[in-house]
Amino acid sequence: MHKLLIFMALLAFSLTASAQDHQDIEKSRTDILTSKKQIIQATLDLNKQEATAFWPLYEEYQNALRPVHERSSRIIANYLRDYQTLTDEQAEILIREFLAIERDQLKLKESYVKKFGAILTPKKVARYFQLENKMQTVMDYDLAKKIPIVR
């Protein structure tokens, strides 16, 4: 786990140094998502039977998350385009959409905790979602550093 934290810290540093605009942020997100599978594989310690059931469900979950992430990317892009002239109405729309995205992510997570629970032990499900949350936190932190505060 110590190696995972070091990797994530280095990854966060490298993202800070290279991400300059929305396209770079998206490329950084893609890079993390590619590395994520390797990190999960190395940390989750699945036996052959678990791995056979886990990886298709993992891909299903990632595919289910994709539209939610795309919505998030769209509102970020819109905000970056408009933040200097943001109106109260636009701010309200952003807040509502941000909360809707968070609700949708939570609903997906809750449904997939049950699905993963059908094939893994509770400890492995907890470990998997802990890894998901840690990696999402790294991405969120990097993103937060690049998004200006509402004026």
Foldseek 3Di string as FASTA:
>chain_A
DVVVVVVLVVLLVVLLVPDDDLVSLVVSVVVLVVVLVVVLVVPLPDDPQLVVQPPVLVVVLVVQCVVLVVLVSVLLVVCVVCQVPDDPVNVVVSVVSVVVSVVSVVVSLVVVLVVSVVRDPNVSSVVVVVSVVVSVVSSVVSVVVNRDDRD
